[in-house]
Amino acid sequence: TSPNSRSRLIEAGKELFARNGYAQTSTSVIARRAGTSESQLVRYFRGKAGLLEAIFDECFEPLNQSLQAVIAEAASAHDAVLAVTEKVVAFFDDDPDLAFLCLFEGRRIHLGQSEMPLQAEMALPKSFMQFGDLLRLIARRGRKDGTFGGGFRDSSLALALTGAAEAMIRQRVIAHRSGEEERYPRSEIVDLIAAMLSGLSAAAPVSRAVQQ
């Protein structure tokens, strides 16, 4: 077997999952597209779910590393959020297949009956968890430097900003796949996140739920 069979399986899996959907893509088809065998897929990834997790980790780990540098160089959490937003949108623009997998197939991944007797959600890939840690780090910094006011928790701030950006990026992916006119230009996404930051910088009442 070629020493590059693992990378070929990752590329084949990404392409086929994005084109046909995770549930509709069999391991035999992936192996055939990669020019290798199902046994090699099982050897490297244990199965289809493991392959998808590896796709996310291999693609997102370099992004997470570059985001760490961006965050470290930013003068404030405000600047860090905008720089991260710009970089993530560009990252997904450069890899539409990965964007589709992350935003549509990766949110709730179910293992097929061939891999487990009952359907079950796959644990979030390590790279997703690292990305979440980076966002919470920015939120923590922002509560100290005035980017975020009020008593919002780090996890709530990270989720709110991520959800807003993700919704707009999702529409960009839909437009790209359907050949429609581009929705939510990159500059507009960044501007809207900046507007959200302006609102979040104002002191907000601290609810009893946050106080407790």
C-alpha atoms as a PDB file:
ATOM      1  CA  THR A   1       0.000   0.000   0.000  1.00  0.00           C
ATOM      2  CA  SER A   2       1.253   3.442  -0.862  1.00  0.00           C
ATOM      3  CA  PRO A   3       2.455   5.458   2.132  1.00  0.00           C
ATOM      4  CA  ASN A   4       0.114   8.210   0.927  1.00  0.00           C
ATOM      5  CA  SER A   5      -3.021   6.056   1.202  1.00  0.00           C
ATOM      6  CA  ARG A   6      -4.062   7.798   4.434  1.00  0.00           C
ATOM      7  CA  SER A   7      -3.974  11.240   2.844  1.00  0.00           C
ATOM      8  CA  ARG A   8      -5.765   9.911  -0.238  1.00  0.00           C
ATOM      9  CA  LEU A   9      -8.521   8.502   1.959  1.00  0.00           C
ATOM     10  CA  ILE A  10      -8.906  11.863   3.683  1.00  0.00           C
ATOM     11  CA  GLU A  11      -9.162  13.716   0.375  1.00  0.00           C
ATOM     12  CA  ALA A  12     -11.580  11.166  -1.071  1.00  0.00           C
ATOM     13  CA  GLY A  13     -13.700  11.206   2.065  1.00  0.00           C
ATOM     14  CA  LYS A  14     -13.905  14.984   2.136  1.00  0.00           C
ATOM     15  CA  GLU A  15     -14.931  15.168  -1.506  1.00  0.00           C
ATOM     16  CA  LEU A  16     -17.531  12.390  -1.326  1.00  0.00           C
ATOM     17  CA  PHE A  17     -19.018  13.417   2.015  1.00  0.00           C
ATOM     18  CA  ALA A  18     -19.450  16.959   0.695  1.00  0.00           C
ATOM     19  CA  ARG A  19     -20.916  15.808  -2.610  1.00  0.00           C
ATOM     20  CA  ASN A  20     -23.219  13.002  -1.461  1.00  0.00           C
ATOM     21  CA  GLY A  21     -23.576  13.461   2.299  1.00  0.00           C
ATOM     22  CA  TYR A  22     -22.023  11.529   5.148  1.00  0.00           C
ATOM     23  CA  ALA A  23     -24.854   9.012   5.578  1.00  0.00           C
ATOM     24  CA  GLN A  24     -25.099   8.259   1.851  1.00  0.00           C
ATOM     25  CA  THR A  25     -21.365   7.624   1.348  1.00  0.00           C
ATOM     26  CA  SER A  26     -20.091   4.106   1.922  1.00  0.00           C
ATOM     27  CA  THR A  27     -16.596   3.134   3.001  1.00  0.00           C
ATOM     28  CA  SER A  28     -16.239   0.986  -0.122  1.00  0.00           C
ATOM     29  CA  VAL A  29     -16.852   3.975  -2.387  1.00  0.00           C
ATOM     30  CA  ILE A  30     -14.366   6.077  -0.427  1.00  0.00           C
ATOM     31  CA  ALA A  31     -11.712   3.365  -0.620  1.00  0.00           C
ATOM     32  CA  ARG A  32     -12.267   2.910  -4.343  1.00  0.00           C
ATOM     33  CA  ARG A  33     -11.971   6.656  -4.988  1.00  0.00           C
ATOM     34  CA  ALA A  34      -8.754   6.733  -2.923  1.00  0.00           C
ATOM     35  CA  GLY A  35      -7.302   3.779  -4.826  1.00  0.00           C
ATOM     36  CA  THR A  36      -6.971   1.629  -1.729  1.00  0.00           C
ATOM     37  CA  SER A  37      -8.974  -0.884   0.299  1.00  0.00           C
ATOM     38  CA  GLU A  38     -11.616  -0.717   3.000  1.00  0.00           C
ATOM     39  CA  SER A  39      -9.235  -2.569   5.307  1.00  0.00           C
ATOM     40  CA  GLN A  40      -6.811   0.356   5.037  1.00  0.00           C
ATOM     41  CA  LEU A  41      -9.611   2.783   5.888  1.00  0.00           C
ATOM     42  CA  VAL A  42     -10.425   0.727   8.985  1.00  0.00           C
ATOM     43  CA  ARG A  43      -6.735   0.456   9.855  1.00  0.00           C
ATOM     44  CA  TYR A  44      -6.208   4.203   9.808  1.00  0.00           C
ATOM     45  CA  PHE A  45      -9.584   5.519  11.008  1.00  0.00           C
ATOM     46  CA  ARG A  46     -11.529   2.562  12.501  1.00  0.00           C
ATOM     47  CA  GLY A  47     -14.449   3.409  10.220  1.00  0.00           C
ATOM     48  CA  LYS A  48     -16.380   6.167   8.499  1.00  0.00           C
ATOM     49  CA  ALA A  49     -16.936   8.268  11.623  1.00  0.00           C
ATOM     50  CA  GLY A  50     -13.233   8.167  12.439  1.00  0.00           C
ATOM     51  CA  LEU A  51     -12.414   9.264   8.892  1.00  0.00           C
ATOM     52  CA  LEU A  52     -14.716  12.279   9.161  1.00  0.00           C
ATOM     53  CA  GLU A  53     -13.194  13.209  12.508  1.00  0.00           C
ATOM     54  CA  ALA A  54      -9.698  12.961  10.969  1.00  0.00           C
ATOM     55  CA  ILE A  55     -10.784  15.187   8.076  1.00  0.00           C
ATOM     56  CA  PHE A  56     -11.876  17.881  10.508  1.00  0.00           C
ATOM     57  CA  ASP A  57      -8.792  17.589  12.694  1.00  0.00           C
ATOM     58  CA  GLU A  58      -6.285  17.657   9.827  1.00  0.00           C
ATOM     59  CA  CYS A  59      -7.986  20.641   8.212  1.00  0.00           C
ATOM     60  CA  PHE A  60      -8.675  22.644  11.356  1.00  0.00           C
ATOM     61  CA  GLU A  61      -5.459  22.139  13.289  1.00  0.00           C
ATOM     62  CA  PRO A  62      -3.459  24.438  10.951  1.00  0.00           C
ATOM     63  CA  LEU A  63      -6.271  26.999  11.176  1.00  0.00           C
ATOM     64  CA  ASN A  64      -6.251  26.846  14.967  1.00  0.00           C
ATOM     65  CA  GLN A  65      -2.488  27.376  14.986  1.00  0.00           C
ATOM     66  CA  SER A  66      -2.777  30.436  12.748  1.00  0.00           C
ATOM     67  CA  LEU A  67      -5.612  31.796  14.884  1.00  0.00           C
ATOM     68  CA  GLN A  68      -3.444  31.515  17.986  1.00  0.00           C
ATOM     69  CA  ALA A  69      -0.902  33.768  16.299  1.00  0.00           C
ATOM     70  CA  VAL A  70      -3.608  36.224  15.199  1.00  0.00           C
ATOM     71  CA  ILE A  71      -5.031  36.408  18.708  1.00  0.00           C
ATOM     72  CA  ALA A  72      -1.603  36.907  20.271  1.00  0.00           C
ATOM     73  CA  GLU A  73      -0.801  39.761  17.872  1.00  0.00           C
ATOM     74  CA  ALA A  74      -4.133  41.580  18.315  1.00  0.00           C
ATOM     75  CA  ALA A  75      -4.035  44.716  20.450  1.00  0.00           C
ATOM     76  CA  SER A  76      -7.393  43.898  22.081  1.00  0.00           C
ATOM     77  CA  ALA A  77     -10.084  41.258  22.171  1.00  0.00           C
ATOM     78  CA  HIS A  78     -12.113  43.486  19.850  1.00  0.00           C
ATOM     79  CA  ASP A  79      -9.378  43.340  17.222  1.00  0.00           C
ATOM     80  CA  ALA A  80      -8.883  39.627  17.828  1.00  0.00           C
ATOM     81  CA  VAL A  81     -12.557  38.836  17.164  1.00  0.00           C
ATOM     82  CA  LEU A  82     -12.546  40.744  13.877  1.00  0.00           C
ATOM     83  CA  ALA A  83      -9.256  39.200  12.749  1.00  0.00           C
ATOM     84  CA  VAL A  84     -10.485  35.704  13.603  1.00  0.00           C
ATOM     85  CA  THR A  85     -13.767  36.335  11.764  1.00  0.00           C
ATOM     86  CA  GLU A  86     -11.927  37.492   8.642  1.00  0.00           C
ATOM     87  CA  LYS A  87      -9.582  34.516   8.739  1.00  0.00           C
ATOM     88  CA  VAL A  88     -12.321  31.914   9.284  1.00  0.00           C
ATOM     89  CA  VAL A  89     -14.474  33.268   6.441  1.00  0.00           C
ATOM     90  CA  ALA A  90     -11.458  33.222   4.111  1.00  0.00           C
ATOM     91  CA  PHE A  91     -10.600  29.693   5.275  1.00  0.00           C
ATOM     92  CA  PHE A  92     -14.039  28.386   4.354  1.00  0.00           C
ATOM     93  CA  ASP A  93     -14.026  30.305   1.066  1.00  0.00           C
ATOM     94  CA  ASP A  94     -10.812  28.508   0.112  1.00  0.00           C
ATOM     95  CA  ASP A  95     -12.262  25.059   0.853  1.00  0.00           C
ATOM     96  CA  PRO A  96     -16.000  24.889   0.001  1.00  0.00           C
ATOM     97  CA  ASP A  97     -16.135  21.125   0.586  1.00  0.00           C
ATOM     98  CA  LEU A  98     -14.822  21.497   4.117  1.00  0.00           C
ATOM     99  CA  ALA A  99     -17.207  24.403   4.716  1.00  0.00           C
ATOM    100  CA  PHE A 100     -20.167  22.238   3.746  1.00  0.00           C
ATOM    101  CA  LEU A 101     -18.986  19.347   5.894  1.00  0.00           C
ATOM    102  CA  CYS A 102     -18.430  21.542   8.925  1.00  0.00           C
ATOM    103  CA  LEU A 103     -21.634  23.571   8.691  1.00  0.00           C
ATOM    104  CA  PHE A 104     -24.055  20.928   7.463  1.00  0.00           C
ATOM    105  CA  GLU A 105     -22.658  17.452   8.114  1.00  0.00           C
ATOM    106  CA  GLY A 106     -20.542  18.019  11.206  1.00  0.00           C
ATOM    107  CA  ARG A 107     -23.100  19.571  13.540  1.00  0.00           C
ATOM    108  CA  ARG A 108     -24.866  16.330  14.431  1.00  0.00           C
ATOM    109  CA  ILE A 109     -23.052  13.279  13.102  1.00  0.00           C
ATOM    110  CA  HIS A 110     -24.683   9.898  13.552  1.00  0.00           C
ATOM    111  CA  LEU A 111     -22.909   6.612  13.285  1.00  0.00           C
ATOM    112  CA  GLY A 112     -24.494   4.084  10.958  1.00  0.00           C
ATOM    113  CA  GLN A 113     -25.805   0.739  12.109  1.00  0.00           C
ATOM    114  CA  SER A 114     -22.886  -0.969  10.421  1.00  0.00           C
ATOM    115  CA  GLU A 115     -20.605   0.690  12.987  1.00  0.00           C
ATOM    116  CA  MET A 116     -22.841   0.563  16.065  1.00  0.00           C
ATOM    117  CA  PRO A 117     -26.105  -1.263  16.890  1.00  0.00           C
ATOM    118  CA  LEU A 118     -27.866   2.001  17.675  1.00  0.00           C
ATOM    119  CA  GLN A 119     -27.363   5.483  16.288  1.00  0.00           C
ATOM    120  CA  ALA A 120     -25.268   7.705  18.534  1.00  0.00           C
ATOM    121  CA  GLU A 121     -23.721  11.121  18.253  1.00  0.00           C
ATOM    122  CA  MET A 122     -20.010  11.209  17.599  1.00  0.00           C
ATOM    123  CA  ALA A 123     -17.952  13.202  20.078  1.00  0.00           C
ATOM    124  CA  LEU A 124     -16.827  16.585  18.817  1.00  0.00           C
ATOM    125  CA  PRO A 125     -13.461  16.399  17.059  1.00  0.00           C
ATOM    126  CA  LYS A 126     -10.480  17.651  19.038  1.00  0.00           C
ATOM    127  CA  SER A 127      -9.997  20.525  16.585  1.00  0.00           C
ATOM    128  CA  PHE A 128     -13.537  21.825  17.218  1.00  0.00           C
ATOM    129  CA  MET A 129     -12.919  21.809  20.941  1.00  0.00           C
ATOM    130  CA  GLN A 130      -9.629  23.668  20.477  1.00  0.00           C
ATOM    131  CA  PHE A 131     -11.411  26.297  18.364  1.00  0.00           C
ATOM    132  CA  GLY A 132     -13.975  26.743  21.124  1.00  0.00           C
ATOM    133  CA  ASP A 133     -11.182  27.146  23.673  1.00  0.00           C
ATOM    134  CA  LEU A 134      -9.659  29.934  21.575  1.00  0.00           C
ATOM    135  CA  LEU A 135     -12.967  31.793  21.425  1.00  0.00           C
ATOM    136  CA  ARG A 136     -13.448  31.521  25.172  1.00  0.00           C
ATOM    137  CA  LEU A 137      -9.907  32.812  25.630  1.00  0.00           C
ATOM    138  CA  ILE A 138     -10.813  35.891  23.585  1.00  0.00           C
ATOM    139  CA  ALA A 139     -13.990  36.357  25.603  1.00  0.00           C
ATOM    140  CA  ARG A 140     -12.065  36.181  28.874  1.00  0.00           C
ATOM    141  CA  ARG A 141      -9.587  38.739  27.576  1.00  0.00           C
ATOM    142  CA  GLY A 142     -12.419  40.950  26.345  1.00  0.00           C
ATOM    143  CA  ARG A 143     -14.085  41.092  29.741  1.00  0.00           C
ATOM    144  CA  LYS A 144     -10.822  42.439  31.116  1.00  0.00           C
ATOM    145  CA  ASP A 145     -10.042  45.002  28.405  1.00  0.00           C
ATOM    146  CA  GLY A 146     -13.588  46.380  28.042  1.00  0.00           C
ATOM    147  CA  THR A 147     -14.496  44.717  24.745  1.00  0.00           C
ATOM    148  CA  PHE A 148     -17.343  42.966  26.553  1.00  0.00           C
ATOM    149  CA  GLY A 149     -19.348  44.596  29.307  1.00  0.00           C
ATOM    150  CA  GLY A 150     -21.848  43.174  31.751  1.00  0.00           C
ATOM    151  CA  GLY A 151     -21.760  39.799  33.404  1.00  0.00           C
ATOM    152  CA  PHE A 152     -21.787  37.567  30.355  1.00  0.00           C
ATOM    153  CA  ARG A 153     -20.030  34.251  30.693  1.00  0.00           C
ATOM    154  CA  ASP A 154     -17.127  33.412  28.392  1.00  0.00           C
ATOM    155  CA  SER A 155     -18.998  30.485  26.862  1.00  0.00           C
ATOM    156  CA  SER A 156     -22.106  32.613  26.183  1.00  0.00           C
ATOM    157  CA  LEU A 157     -20.102  35.350  24.473  1.00  0.00           C
ATOM    158  CA  ALA A 158     -18.207  32.843  22.331  1.00  0.00           C
ATOM    159  CA  LEU A 159     -21.410  31.074  21.339  1.00  0.00           C
ATOM    160  CA  ALA A 160     -23.253  34.290  20.448  1.00  0.00           C
ATOM    161  CA  LEU A 161     -20.490  35.565  18.167  1.00  0.00           C
ATOM    162  CA  THR A 162     -19.888  32.156  16.617  1.00  0.00           C
ATOM    163  CA  GLY A 163     -23.593  31.656  15.926  1.00  0.00           C
ATOM    164  CA  ALA A 164     -23.952  35.003  14.180  1.00  0.00           C
ATOM    165  CA  ALA A 165     -20.918  34.469  11.953  1.00  0.00           C
ATOM    166  CA  GLU A 166     -21.820  30.840  11.266  1.00  0.00           C
ATOM    167  CA  ALA A 167     -25.342  31.711  10.108  1.00  0.00           C
ATOM    168  CA  MET A 168     -23.993  34.138   7.505  1.00  0.00           C
ATOM    169  CA  ILE A 169     -21.207  31.806   6.376  1.00  0.00           C
ATOM    170  CA  ARG A 170     -23.788  29.026   6.021  1.00  0.00           C
ATOM    171  CA  GLN A 171     -25.771  31.166   3.588  1.00  0.00           C
ATOM    172  CA  ARG A 172     -22.602  31.834   1.593  1.00  0.00           C
ATOM    173  CA  VAL A 173     -22.062  28.085   1.296  1.00  0.00           C
ATOM    174  CA  ILE A 174     -25.654  27.518   0.158  1.00  0.00           C
ATOM    175  CA  ALA A 175     -25.338  30.247  -2.470  1.00  0.00           C
ATOM    176  CA  HIS A 176     -22.032  28.825  -3.712  1.00  0.00           C
ATOM    177  CA  ARG A 177     -23.401  25.292  -4.078  1.00  0.00           C
ATOM    178  CA  SER A 178     -26.555  26.457  -5.858  1.00  0.00           C
ATOM    179  CA  GLY A 179     -24.756  28.908  -8.149  1.00  0.00           C
ATOM    180  CA  GLU A 180     -26.666  31.872  -6.760  1.00  0.00           C
ATOM    181  CA  GLU A 181     -25.385  35.398  -6.318  1.00  0.00           C
ATOM    182  CA  GLU A 182     -23.049  35.708  -3.345  1.00  0.00           C
ATOM    183  CA  ARG A 183     -24.817  36.413  -0.087  1.00  0.00           C
ATOM    184  CA  TYR A 184     -23.232  38.138   2.871  1.00  0.00           C
ATOM    185  CA  PRO A 185     -19.942  39.424   1.437  1.00  0.00           C
ATOM    186  CA  ARG A 186     -16.940  38.882   3.677  1.00  0.00           C
ATOM    187  CA  SER A 187     -16.716  42.582   4.506  1.00  0.00           C
ATOM    188  CA  GLU A 188     -20.373  42.648   5.586  1.00  0.00           C
ATOM    189  CA  ILE A 189     -19.891  39.704   7.935  1.00  0.00           C
ATOM    190  CA  VAL A 190     -16.946  41.442   9.588  1.00  0.00           C
ATOM    191  CA  ASP A 191     -18.875  44.732   9.810  1.00  0.00           C
ATOM    192  CA  LEU A 192     -21.859  43.046  11.443  1.00  0.00           C
ATOM    193  CA  ILE A 193     -19.649  41.316  13.995  1.00  0.00           C
ATOM    194  CA  ALA A 194     -18.023  44.704  14.701  1.00  0.00           C
ATOM    195  CA  ALA A 195     -21.484  46.186  15.286  1.00  0.00           C
ATOM    196  CA  MET A 196     -22.265  43.373  17.723  1.00  0.00           C
ATOM    197  CA  LEU A 197     -19.038  44.086  19.568  1.00  0.00           C
ATOM    198  CA  SER A 198     -20.032  47.732  19.943  1.00  0.00           C
ATOM    199  CA  GLY A 199     -23.256  46.679  21.612  1.00  0.00           C
ATOM    200  CA  LEU A 200     -21.555  44.127  23.829  1.00  0.00           C
ATOM    201  CA  SER A 201     -19.038  46.694  25.058  1.00  0.00           C
ATOM    202  CA  ALA A 202     -21.814  48.585  26.854  1.00  0.00           C
ATOM    203  CA  ALA A 203     -22.482  47.494  30.399  1.00  0.00           C
ATOM    204  CA  ALA A 204     -25.464  45.163  30.565  1.00  0.00           C
ATOM    205  CA  PRO A 205     -27.579  44.117  33.544  1.00  0.00           C
ATOM    206  CA  VAL A 206     -26.348  40.947  35.177  1.00  0.00           C
ATOM    207  CA  SER A 207     -29.171  38.421  35.430  1.00  0.00           C
ATOM    208  CA  ARG A 208     -29.682  36.286  38.510  1.00  0.00           C
ATOM    209  CA  ALA A 209     -28.785  33.243  36.424  1.00  0.00           C
ATOM    210  CA  VAL A 210     -25.338  34.662  35.707  1.00  0.00           C
ATOM    211  CA  GLN A 211     -24.814  35.807  39.287  1.00  0.00           C
ATOM    212  CA  GLN A 212     -25.437  32.344  40.669  1.00  0.00           C
END
